[in-house]
Structures are given as C-alpha cells and as structure tokens.
C-alpha cells in the first residue's frame, strides 16, 4: 500500500483502497501524521526540522513500513540515531508495524501494482554496510566525504572558483571580517592567529564567500586545507563509524593545516559533537588554524555542548552586519560587471541600478538573483532594461511582507538582557547611568517599532509621563547620529526584534 501521492488508490489488486493487511490508506496516513506530531513534540522543533521534516512514508507492506528521505546523509543519520525511536512510536500508533526500512527518494525502484506482499522480515539488528561495496560506486566528492578518499586527498567539499578575496566586496559591515580572513589566509609561520576564527551572520551576507576565499588562498600557498559543511562533517563521521574507519577519518582531519567548517549550527548528535570538540582541541593545541561560520554567536548555539561553545568563543568572534545601501550598490555593480564580461550587450542604467540597490535590502543572494532576472529579460526579449521592467522583474524579491508585530514587553526583555540589567530595573525609578541608557533605548525602540502612542509607552514603562518618553526618543535619535557604535547597537537590536 503506497501512501505517497494519491492516498485514495490501493496498491494491492482488488483491495479498493485498503492495504494488504486490510487497513485503509487513510488510516495509515493518519497514523503516520500522528507519529510525526509526536516526534516533533518529544524531540523539539529544531531536531524535528533538521532530521524528520522531509521523512515521508512510502508504503506499508507485510508489516514493513518503508520511509524515504531525499539524501543519503539523512538516511544514514536516521538509521544510526533514530530508527528504533521512530519504530517504537509507529508501533504505538498503528498495529502490525514490525520493522522499518529507510530509502532515498529517486534511488528506489517503484513498487509494482498488484505485486505480492513482501516476506515479513525477522525483527532484529540491521546488518552493517559492507565497507567496500557502496563507497566504491560513489562519485569522487561523496566518496571523499565518506572518509574513503584516495591516499593523499583530504576529501572536503569543493571550493567555488568564483568565491575569492578578489571578488569579495568590502564595506563597513564586513570590513573586520574580511581583514581577519585575509590575515589568517596569508599567515604562514608561527602559531595560528585568532584561533579559532569564528564568523556569524544571517543568510547571504558573505560568510561562505570568506570561507571559500580563505580556502583558495591557503591552497594556493601550498598548505593543506579542508572545507567542510556541517552535513559533510557529520556524514563523513557517521560513515567512518559504519565502515570501521573512524580512526583514519580522525587522523585525516587532524593532519591538515587549516580546517574550515561552515554552518556549524547544524551539527547534531552527542557522539559527533564530542568528535568535533576533540578535533577542535587537537588542531588548536597543535597550532593549526580553525575557521568556523554559523548563523549566530557561539554562546547562542544551544544544541552544541557547552565546552565546544566555550572553545569557539575563545577565539576571535566577528559578526558580519547587514548590507547598507552603499555596500549593496557596490555588490550590485560588481555582479553587473561580471555578467557583462560574458554578455557585452547587457546594459543596466544608473537609475535602474540605484532602484535595485535601494529596493533589495535582505542580502547579497537576492541582489544576484535580481541581476539574473534582468539579464533574462534583456536576452529573451531583446528589449532594454528600463525602470518599469526592473520593477516587474524583481517584484517578488521586494514584495512587502507583513512586518512582525513587536511587543513592548519583548523590547524591554531584550534590552535588559543586552545591557545586563533586569526588566524591573528598566521599569523602576532608578536613575543610575547603567539603567537610564537601556531604559531610553527601550523607549526609543518602542516608539519606532510599535504603533503605541507616547502616553501608552509611558504607562508601559512604570507609569511615566509622555514627555519623559519624548525626551528619551529625541536623546537616542541625536546620539545615534553622533555615535557609530551606538547606531550599530540599536540596529542590531532592531534586527533581533524583527527576525
């Protein structure tokens, strides 16, 4: 009985919508949805989204529930860490489920209509994969990621030839990160600098570009470097355990000069986190360079072991800020020049470029997407790129999204936490400098991020008069214009509240 796709059709001939055990497709589908809801509730949203959101039920036949996932890595991870739990949960929701099989979508042969039910397998431990057979048939990058790279190869993810220091556009928000990356990449003697070097930023702000730039520079200098995404690190370690080559995998990682690890926030699992921590310690203690990137600071990586977070925070932690308009314009111009190298007739006027740079504020990837759309319009229609056509082409990239509704209580809590005071301090009558500044910042943010009136804001801040709120707002506005550091701090608080 297949349950992916149309749930109204049964596979068994003459069953008319019932499975080979007499249950309807709808019953099994409903049971599977209950299983996923329980996994979400028991494991938490983050773990569920990482490992189970794309797990689908393909069919139930002969007591065997066949599940599918889109990648080999997810299959390996679920089999190694969660198979027993999923089976126990499924058994509690549906009678007759005796075992599970996990396959990769697209790699499985489709079930044949009218086929006889498969022989029921004997419950028991799953056989270990043969160390030689599957890896030998994989493409080189995947074979490398499994820890079976040929002698002398490190087996990391490939570096993108386009992502170099030369193609990186530097602005105020990323200047420190760029300088630190170049210094680390060019360093070739003595103890490693800024170890580990840790970048954190939102999507599309340049973290991965800098990591690839470091990788290219180190490789060109003849030093040993490996670039790994978090999923490749986990995939390699899990498969090294399965193929009994974990020691070789560890030695390979620890014999390099520079380890670059991207998206570290996705590292899951106690044993893998422990190995990551051991590798981190071994490389740093040996004077080897480690470069890490994530979407948040080390202290906010709740899923990571506290000792690993502490080690990551012990190096140089650099945040890459949002792109200001000047930097967006520079990035856009760089992308346009790169496209014109292969399409000389492609022209975008200053007015159109200015509009795109102002309209697209999220990240650099959206800017690149805008350039690709403008190029498609110009090449497919043969018409010049005008402001009207640009507006049409990038409409979905700049469409107005309903802003997140920010609460004054949330502002008070965040500001209090950021400035190491309590919310009750902000609401109190205390007038020490350590309390007055965060109180005024919180009032300012309440004015610009909510629709509350000044008197209402005053009441929410301990029953203060609206003139007190107005004074705070004006004072912070003036200070922002004079103090760049305070301006950056307030902008960061805005982003944290609106994300």
Foldseek 3Di string as FASTA:
>chain_A
DFQPDDQQDEQAPPLRQAYPVGHGSVLLVVLVVVLLVVCCVVVHVVVCVLAPPQWAFTDAFQLETEIEGADPLSQLVCLVPPQVVSQVSSCVRDPSNDHYHYYHPPPDDDDHRNDHTDHRDDDDDDDFDALPPPLVPDPQLLNLLQVNHPPPDLNADDFDPCLALVLDFDDPLCPVVSVVLVVQLPDDDDFGAQAAEEEAAAPFLCPSSSLSNSVVSNVVVVFFEHEHELSSLSNNCSSCVSSVNNVSNLVSLLVGQEYEYEANLSNADDVSLVSVQVSSVSCNVVRGYYYYYHHDQLVPSVRHDPVSSVSSVPGHYGYRDFDDLVSLLVLLVSLLVVVCVVVVVADDDPVQSSVLSVQQGGHSVLSNVLSVQSVCCCVVVVDHDDNVVSCVSSVVRRPDDDFDQFDLVVLLCVLCVVLVHHSVLLLDPDDDPSNVLSNLLSLLCCVPRHPDQLQVSCVVSNRHHSVVSVVSNVVLVVVLVVDVVSVVVSVVSVVVRGD
